[in-house]
Amino acid sequence: MALLLYATEFPRQLPDAAFYHGLDRLPDVLQPKILRFRRWEDAHAALLGKLLLQLALKANDFPHTLQQLCYTAEAKPYFPAGPNFNISHSGNRVVCALSTAGRVGIDIEAIKPLSFDDFQTQFTPNEWLAIRGAADPVAAFYRFWTAKESLIKADGRGLGIPLLELDVTEYRPIVLDGASWTFQPLSFFPGYAAHLTTGEPNPEISLKEFSPEAIAAGL
């Protein structure tokens, strides 16, 4: 099975009827968290991420449902004895990665103006030199950042792994506690930096895009 990416873009707010129809398709336990977001953009991203996962499970004949989601001590969601997945969103983009070949991590960030000097302590000296010396330092910052984030999301411990200990200046496997991780950039999303990390070298990646209206409707 290829590593599957399911993605959407929501350039505008969904009509209330479409939003609440999508919300009703989620388990009751997941709905309050989405409704607590103050910004509609955050609520849409959270809703569409869960609906993309639901769509991916159904499209690939997995019997799992969102009712079966469990959470690690670090709040990472997972299915016991099920496919591995990870969701990321930024700007008006949402992407869900699904894999049966081990843990997976994905991170996407909209490339926008940023004063990133305060982040220097999160990068190795080599990474910081590469960022500062790049033709577009902001874009380089986001490339390095999403690579690191996708890796720690695949590992599952999140910021329990100091980012300063991960050097991603070269695309080569990184070993953490005996596990070898391969990370690679994703070029599907113009205006965004994105990386995918898996335990499999050179996974075959398949991308499927859906409109937010279709996802909310369950089509």
C-alpha atoms as a PDB file:
ATOM      1  CA  MET A   1       0.000   0.000   0.000  1.00  0.00           C
ATOM      2  CA  ALA A   2       1.280   3.426  -0.903  1.00  0.00           C
ATOM      3  CA  LEU A   3       1.513   6.085   1.729  1.00  0.00           C
ATOM      4  CA  LEU A   4      -1.698   8.015   1.224  1.00  0.00           C
ATOM      5  CA  LEU A   5      -2.180  11.756   1.542  1.00  0.00           C
ATOM      6  CA  TYR A   6      -5.664  13.240   1.689  1.00  0.00           C
ATOM      7  CA  ALA A   7      -5.799  17.024   1.447  1.00  0.00           C
ATOM      8  CA  THR A   8      -8.134  19.961   1.140  1.00  0.00           C
ATOM      9  CA  GLU A   9      -8.010  23.736   0.888  1.00  0.00           C
ATOM     10  CA  PHE A  10     -10.670  26.046   2.311  1.00  0.00           C
ATOM     11  CA  PRO A  11     -10.218  29.572   0.936  1.00  0.00           C
ATOM     12  CA  ARG A  12     -13.473  30.735   2.511  1.00  0.00           C
ATOM     13  CA  GLN A  13     -15.806  29.884   5.369  1.00  0.00           C
ATOM     14  CA  LEU A  14     -18.259  27.067   4.765  1.00  0.00           C
ATOM     15  CA  PRO A  15     -21.956  27.918   5.011  1.00  0.00           C
ATOM     16  CA  ASP A  16     -23.271  27.104   8.477  1.00  0.00           C
ATOM     17  CA  ALA A  17     -25.420  24.284   7.128  1.00  0.00           C
ATOM     18  CA  ALA A  18     -22.416  22.582   5.516  1.00  0.00           C
ATOM     19  CA  PHE A  19     -20.217  23.082   8.583  1.00  0.00           C
ATOM     20  CA  TYR A  20     -22.738  21.651  11.017  1.00  0.00           C
ATOM     21  CA  HIS A  21     -23.578  18.793   8.679  1.00  0.00           C
ATOM     22  CA  GLY A  22     -19.887  17.865   8.726  1.00  0.00           C
ATOM     23  CA  LEU A  23     -19.745  18.299  12.486  1.00  0.00           C
ATOM     24  CA  ASP A  24     -22.701  15.941  12.936  1.00  0.00           C
ATOM     25  CA  ARG A  25     -20.748  13.254  11.095  1.00  0.00           C
ATOM     26  CA  LEU A  26     -18.156  13.166  13.893  1.00  0.00           C
ATOM     27  CA  PRO A  27     -18.525  11.287  17.185  1.00  0.00           C
ATOM     28  CA  ASP A  28     -20.138  13.370  19.919  1.00  0.00           C
ATOM     29  CA  VAL A  29     -16.947  13.341  21.977  1.00  0.00           C
ATOM     30  CA  LEU A  30     -15.019  15.199  19.243  1.00  0.00           C
ATOM     31  CA  GLN A  31     -17.550  17.922  18.540  1.00  0.00           C
ATOM     32  CA  PRO A  32     -17.165  20.195  21.618  1.00  0.00           C
ATOM     33  CA  LYS A  33     -13.435  20.700  21.042  1.00  0.00           C
ATOM     34  CA  ILE A  34     -14.090  21.952  17.520  1.00  0.00           C
ATOM     35  CA  LEU A  35     -16.810  24.295  18.697  1.00  0.00           C
ATOM     36  CA  ARG A  36     -14.502  25.809  21.320  1.00  0.00           C
ATOM     37  CA  PHE A  37     -12.275  27.416  18.698  1.00  0.00           C
ATOM     38  CA  ARG A  38     -12.844  31.162  18.499  1.00  0.00           C
ATOM     39  CA  ARG A  39     -11.519  31.610  14.972  1.00  0.00           C
ATOM     40  CA  TRP A  40     -13.562  30.003  12.220  1.00  0.00           C
ATOM     41  CA  GLU A  41     -10.328  29.094  10.425  1.00  0.00           C
ATOM     42  CA  ASP A  42      -9.185  26.960  13.361  1.00  0.00           C
ATOM     43  CA  ALA A  43     -12.583  25.285  13.696  1.00  0.00           C
ATOM     44  CA  HIS A  44     -12.648  24.489   9.982  1.00  0.00           C
ATOM     45  CA  ALA A  45      -9.121  23.070  10.040  1.00  0.00           C
ATOM     46  CA  ALA A  46      -9.912  20.830  13.021  1.00  0.00           C
ATOM     47  CA  LEU A  47     -13.182  19.635  11.504  1.00  0.00           C
ATOM     48  CA  LEU A  48     -11.791  18.975   8.038  1.00  0.00           C
ATOM     49  CA  GLY A  49      -8.766  17.147   9.445  1.00  0.00           C
ATOM     50  CA  LYS A  50     -10.953  14.640  11.269  1.00  0.00           C
ATOM     51  CA  LEU A  51     -13.275  14.283   8.276  1.00  0.00           C
ATOM     52  CA  LEU A  52     -10.292  13.658   5.976  1.00  0.00           C
ATOM     53  CA  LEU A  53      -9.185  10.857   8.294  1.00  0.00           C
ATOM     54  CA  GLN A  54     -12.700   9.435   8.284  1.00  0.00           C
ATOM     55  CA  LEU A  55     -12.779   9.604   4.493  1.00  0.00           C
ATOM     56  CA  ALA A  56      -9.364   7.923   4.197  1.00  0.00           C
ATOM     57  CA  LEU A  57     -10.402   5.045   6.443  1.00  0.00           C
ATOM     58  CA  LYS A  58     -13.590   4.424   4.483  1.00  0.00           C
ATOM     59  CA  ALA A  59     -11.967   4.760   1.050  1.00  0.00           C
ATOM     60  CA  ASN A  60      -9.370   2.134   1.937  1.00  0.00           C
ATOM     61  CA  ASP A  61     -11.792  -0.313   3.567  1.00  0.00           C
ATOM     62  CA  PHE A  62     -10.456   0.029   7.096  1.00  0.00           C
ATOM     63  CA  PRO A  63     -13.069  -0.996   9.672  1.00  0.00           C
ATOM     64  CA  HIS A  64     -11.860   1.589  12.179  1.00  0.00           C
ATOM     65  CA  THR A  65     -13.997   4.556  13.169  1.00  0.00           C
ATOM     66  CA  LEU A  66     -13.190   7.807  14.943  1.00  0.00           C
ATOM     67  CA  GLN A  67     -15.009   6.409  17.970  1.00  0.00           C
ATOM     68  CA  GLN A  68     -12.036   4.063  18.413  1.00  0.00           C
ATOM     69  CA  LEU A  69      -9.408   6.788  18.655  1.00  0.00           C
ATOM     70  CA  CYS A  70      -7.078   6.470  21.619  1.00  0.00           C
ATOM     71  CA  TYR A  71      -4.440   8.903  22.855  1.00  0.00           C
ATOM     72  CA  THR A  72      -0.905   8.472  24.112  1.00  0.00           C
ATOM     73  CA  ALA A  73       0.390  10.244  27.208  1.00  0.00           C
ATOM     74  CA  GLU A  74       1.674  12.925  24.836  1.00  0.00           C
ATOM     75  CA  ALA A  75      -1.883  13.350  23.397  1.00  0.00           C
ATOM     76  CA  LYS A  76      -1.016  11.754  20.052  1.00  0.00           C
ATOM     77  CA  PRO A  77      -4.134  10.068  18.617  1.00  0.00           C
ATOM     78  CA  TYR A  78      -3.896   6.509  17.298  1.00  0.00           C
ATOM     79  CA  PHE A  79      -5.878   3.389  16.498  1.00  0.00           C
ATOM     80  CA  PRO A  80      -4.972   0.249  18.450  1.00  0.00           C
ATOM     81  CA  ALA A  81      -3.855  -2.355  15.882  1.00  0.00           C
ATOM     82  CA  GLY A  82      -4.917   0.017  13.129  1.00  0.00           C
ATOM     83  CA  PRO A  83      -3.405   2.113  10.354  1.00  0.00           C
ATOM     84  CA  ASN A  84      -1.052   4.886  11.339  1.00  0.00           C
ATOM     85  CA  PHE A  85      -2.019   8.453  10.551  1.00  0.00           C
ATOM     86  CA  ASN A  86      -1.053  12.039  11.179  1.00  0.00           C
ATOM     87  CA  ILE A  87      -2.839  15.316  10.448  1.00  0.00           C
ATOM     88  CA  SER A  88      -1.416  18.792   9.943  1.00  0.00           C
ATOM     89  CA  HIS A  89      -2.877  22.130   8.942  1.00  0.00           C
ATOM     90  CA  SER A  90      -1.725  25.671   8.330  1.00  0.00           C
ATOM     91  CA  GLY A  91      -3.224  28.655   6.565  1.00  0.00           C
ATOM     92  CA  ASN A  92      -6.189  27.253   4.667  1.00  0.00           C
ATOM     93  CA  ARG A  93      -4.589  23.867   3.965  1.00  0.00           C
ATOM     94  CA  VAL A  94      -5.285  20.580   5.756  1.00  0.00           C
ATOM     95  CA  VAL A  95      -3.531  17.295   5.036  1.00  0.00           C
ATOM     96  CA  CYS A  96      -3.912  13.803   6.494  1.00  0.00           C
ATOM     97  CA  ALA A  97      -1.303  11.058   5.996  1.00  0.00           C
ATOM     98  CA  LEU A  98      -2.329   7.406   6.287  1.00  0.00           C
ATOM     99  CA  SER A  99       0.044   4.442   6.370  1.00  0.00           C
ATOM    100  CA  THR A 100       0.033   0.713   7.113  1.00  0.00           C
ATOM    101  CA  ALA A 101       3.831   0.535   7.054  1.00  0.00           C
ATOM    102  CA  GLY A 102       4.573   1.987  10.472  1.00  0.00           C
ATOM    103  CA  ARG A 103       4.378   5.364  12.137  1.00  0.00           C
ATOM    104  CA  VAL A 104       4.097   8.495  10.034  1.00  0.00           C
ATOM    105  CA  GLY A 105       4.466  12.195  10.702  1.00  0.00           C
ATOM    106  CA  ILE A 106       3.527  15.139   8.511  1.00  0.00           C
ATOM    107  CA  ASP A 107       3.873  18.878   8.967  1.00  0.00           C
ATOM    108  CA  ILE A 108       2.780  21.737   6.738  1.00  0.00           C
ATOM    109  CA  GLU A 109       3.320  25.471   7.223  1.00  0.00           C
ATOM    110  CA  ALA A 110       2.199  28.424   5.149  1.00  0.00           C
ATOM    111  CA  ILE A 111       5.268  30.422   4.101  1.00  0.00           C
ATOM    112  CA  LYS A 112       4.657  33.947   5.362  1.00  0.00           C
ATOM    113  CA  PRO A 113       6.810  36.787   6.706  1.00  0.00           C
ATOM    114  CA  LEU A 114       8.329  35.853  10.032  1.00  0.00           C
ATOM    115  CA  SER A 115      10.946  37.174  12.433  1.00  0.00           C
ATOM    116  CA  PHE A 116      12.599  33.897  13.345  1.00  0.00           C
ATOM    117  CA  ASP A 117      15.663  34.912  15.363  1.00  0.00           C
ATOM    118  CA  ASP A 118      13.967  33.765  18.572  1.00  0.00           C
ATOM    119  CA  PHE A 119      13.972  30.216  17.163  1.00  0.00           C
ATOM    120  CA  GLN A 120      17.757  29.935  16.868  1.00  0.00           C
ATOM    121  CA  THR A 121      17.948  27.700  19.949  1.00  0.00           C
ATOM    122  CA  GLN A 122      15.827  25.109  18.114  1.00  0.00           C
ATOM    123  CA  PHE A 123      18.373  24.623  15.322  1.00  0.00           C
ATOM    124  CA  THR A 124      21.841  23.149  15.123  1.00  0.00           C
ATOM    125  CA  PRO A 125      24.694  25.478  14.098  1.00  0.00           C
ATOM    126  CA  ASN A 126      24.740  23.860  10.637  1.00  0.00           C
ATOM    127  CA  GLU A 127      21.016  24.395  10.180  1.00  0.00           C
ATOM    128  CA  TRP A 128      21.187  27.998  11.338  1.00  0.00           C
ATOM    129  CA  LEU A 129      24.037  28.766   8.927  1.00  0.00           C
ATOM    130  CA  ALA A 130      22.040  27.204   6.094  1.00  0.00           C
ATOM    131  CA  ILE A 131      18.949  29.243   6.974  1.00  0.00           C
ATOM    132  CA  ARG A 132      20.785  32.554   7.312  1.00  0.00           C
ATOM    133  CA  GLY A 133      22.782  31.923   4.132  1.00  0.00           C
ATOM    134  CA  ALA A 134      19.821  30.906   1.981  1.00  0.00           C
ATOM    135  CA  ALA A 135      18.582  33.077  -0.881  1.00  0.00           C
ATOM    136  CA  ASP A 136      15.203  33.115   0.879  1.00  0.00           C
ATOM    137  CA  PRO A 137      15.879  32.679   4.613  1.00  0.00           C
ATOM    138  CA  VAL A 138      12.172  32.658   5.548  1.00  0.00           C
ATOM    139  CA  ALA A 139      11.372  29.818   3.139  1.00  0.00           C
ATOM    140  CA  ALA A 140      14.484  27.965   4.347  1.00  0.00           C
ATOM    141  CA  PHE A 141      13.366  28.377   7.957  1.00  0.00           C
ATOM    142  CA  TYR A 142       9.997  26.788   7.179  1.00  0.00           C
ATOM    143  CA  ARG A 143      11.643  23.922   5.279  1.00  0.00           C
ATOM    144  CA  PHE A 144      13.857  23.062   8.244  1.00  0.00           C
ATOM    145  CA  TRP A 145      11.039  23.584  10.730  1.00  0.00           C
ATOM    146  CA  THR A 146       8.567  21.282   8.954  1.00  0.00           C
ATOM    147  CA  ALA A 147      11.249  18.607   8.557  1.00  0.00           C
ATOM    148  CA  LYS A 148      11.893  18.622  12.307  1.00  0.00           C
ATOM    149  CA  GLU A 149       8.203  18.769  13.199  1.00  0.00           C
ATOM    150  CA  SER A 150       7.287  15.864  10.916  1.00  0.00           C
ATOM    151  CA  LEU A 151      10.036  13.784  12.498  1.00  0.00           C
ATOM    152  CA  ILE A 152       9.004  14.382  16.103  1.00  0.00           C
ATOM    153  CA  LYS A 153       5.359  13.795  15.174  1.00  0.00           C
ATOM    154  CA  ALA A 154       6.272  10.421  13.644  1.00  0.00           C
ATOM    155  CA  ASP A 155       8.251   9.507  16.758  1.00  0.00           C
ATOM    156  CA  GLY A 156       5.223  10.415  18.860  1.00  0.00           C
ATOM    157  CA  ARG A 157       6.899  12.131  21.776  1.00  0.00           C
ATOM    158  CA  GLY A 158       6.451  15.607  20.341  1.00  0.00           C
ATOM    159  CA  LEU A 159       8.517  18.310  21.982  1.00  0.00           C
ATOM    160  CA  GLY A 160       9.785  15.716  24.426  1.00  0.00           C
ATOM    161  CA  ILE A 161      12.545  15.394  21.821  1.00  0.00           C
ATOM    162  CA  PRO A 162      14.718  18.539  21.834  1.00  0.00           C
ATOM    163  CA  LEU A 163      14.702  19.990  18.317  1.00  0.00           C
ATOM    164  CA  LEU A 164      18.313  21.055  18.779  1.00  0.00           C
ATOM    165  CA  GLU A 165      19.328  17.388  18.763  1.00  0.00           C
ATOM    166  CA  LEU A 166      17.928  16.815  15.262  1.00  0.00           C
ATOM    167  CA  ASP A 167      20.067  17.942  12.344  1.00  0.00           C
ATOM    168  CA  VAL A 168      18.115  17.888   9.095  1.00  0.00           C
ATOM    169  CA  THR A 169      20.550  19.726   6.850  1.00  0.00           C
ATOM    170  CA  GLU A 170      20.867  16.560   4.745  1.00  0.00           C
ATOM    171  CA  TYR A 171      18.158  14.156   3.617  1.00  0.00           C
ATOM    172  CA  ARG A 172      19.496  11.045   5.262  1.00  0.00           C
ATOM    173  CA  PRO A 173      17.952   8.714   7.852  1.00  0.00           C
ATOM    174  CA  ILE A 174      17.957   9.898  11.456  1.00  0.00           C
ATOM    175  CA  VAL A 175      18.083   7.348  14.278  1.00  0.00           C
ATOM    176  CA  LEU A 176      16.174   8.023  17.496  1.00  0.00           C
ATOM    177  CA  ASP A 177      16.227   5.424  20.260  1.00  0.00           C
ATOM    178  CA  GLY A 178      17.027   2.677  17.780  1.00  0.00           C
ATOM    179  CA  ALA A 179      14.350   3.651  15.225  1.00  0.00           C
ATOM    180  CA  SER A 180      15.469   4.900  11.825  1.00  0.00           C
ATOM    181  CA  TRP A 181      13.416   7.685  10.251  1.00  0.00           C
ATOM    182  CA  THR A 182      13.376   8.910   6.653  1.00  0.00           C
ATOM    183  CA  PHE A 183      12.034  12.382   5.945  1.00  0.00           C
ATOM    184  CA  GLN A 184      11.355  14.023   2.628  1.00  0.00           C
ATOM    185  CA  PRO A 185       9.922  17.299   1.345  1.00  0.00           C
ATOM    186  CA  LEU A 186       6.483  17.479  -0.242  1.00  0.00           C
ATOM    187  CA  SER A 187       6.112  19.797  -3.220  1.00  0.00           C
ATOM    188  CA  PHE A 188       2.366  19.388  -3.769  1.00  0.00           C
ATOM    189  CA  PHE A 189       1.336  22.623  -2.074  1.00  0.00           C
ATOM    190  CA  PRO A 190       2.545  25.940  -3.605  1.00  0.00           C
ATOM    191  CA  GLY A 191       3.112  28.625  -0.991  1.00  0.00           C
ATOM    192  CA  TYR A 192       3.656  26.047   1.751  1.00  0.00           C
ATOM    193  CA  ALA A 193       6.570  24.107   3.178  1.00  0.00           C
ATOM    194  CA  ALA A 194       5.756  20.491   4.018  1.00  0.00           C
ATOM    195  CA  HIS A 195       7.632  17.368   5.043  1.00  0.00           C
ATOM    196  CA  LEU A 196       6.723  13.743   5.597  1.00  0.00           C
ATOM    197  CA  THR A 197       8.568  11.337   7.901  1.00  0.00           C
ATOM    198  CA  THR A 198       8.199   7.541   7.941  1.00  0.00           C
ATOM    199  CA  GLY A 199      10.168   4.507   9.003  1.00  0.00           C
ATOM    200  CA  GLU A 200      10.182   3.350   5.387  1.00  0.00           C
ATOM    201  CA  PRO A 201      12.860   4.531   2.915  1.00  0.00           C
ATOM    202  CA  ASN A 202      11.464   6.215  -0.204  1.00  0.00           C
ATOM    203  CA  PRO A 203       7.770   5.434   0.307  1.00  0.00           C
ATOM    204  CA  GLU A 204       5.460   5.671  -2.678  1.00  0.00           C
ATOM    205  CA  ILE A 205       3.213   8.670  -2.017  1.00  0.00           C
ATOM    206  CA  SER A 206      -0.281   9.089  -3.423  1.00  0.00           C
ATOM    207  CA  LEU A 207      -2.157  12.405  -3.038  1.00  0.00           C
ATOM    208  CA  LYS A 208      -5.916  12.871  -3.273  1.00  0.00           C
ATOM    209  CA  GLU A 209      -7.479  16.339  -3.086  1.00  0.00           C
ATOM    210  CA  PHE A 210     -11.065  17.084  -2.108  1.00  0.00           C
ATOM    211  CA  SER A 211     -13.126  20.240  -1.813  1.00  0.00           C
ATOM    212  CA  PRO A 212     -14.171  21.184   1.727  1.00  0.00           C
ATOM    213  CA  GLU A 213     -17.814  21.068   0.637  1.00  0.00           C
ATOM    214  CA  ALA A 214     -17.463  17.461  -0.560  1.00  0.00           C
ATOM    215  CA  ILE A 215     -15.690  16.433   2.653  1.00  0.00           C
ATOM    216  CA  ALA A 216     -18.321  18.032   4.882  1.00  0.00           C
ATOM    217  CA  ALA A 217     -21.083  16.362   2.871  1.00  0.00           C
ATOM    218  CA  GLY A 218     -19.404  12.951   3.045  1.00  0.00           C
ATOM    219  CA  LEU A 219     -19.239  12.509  -0.717  1.00  0.00           C
END
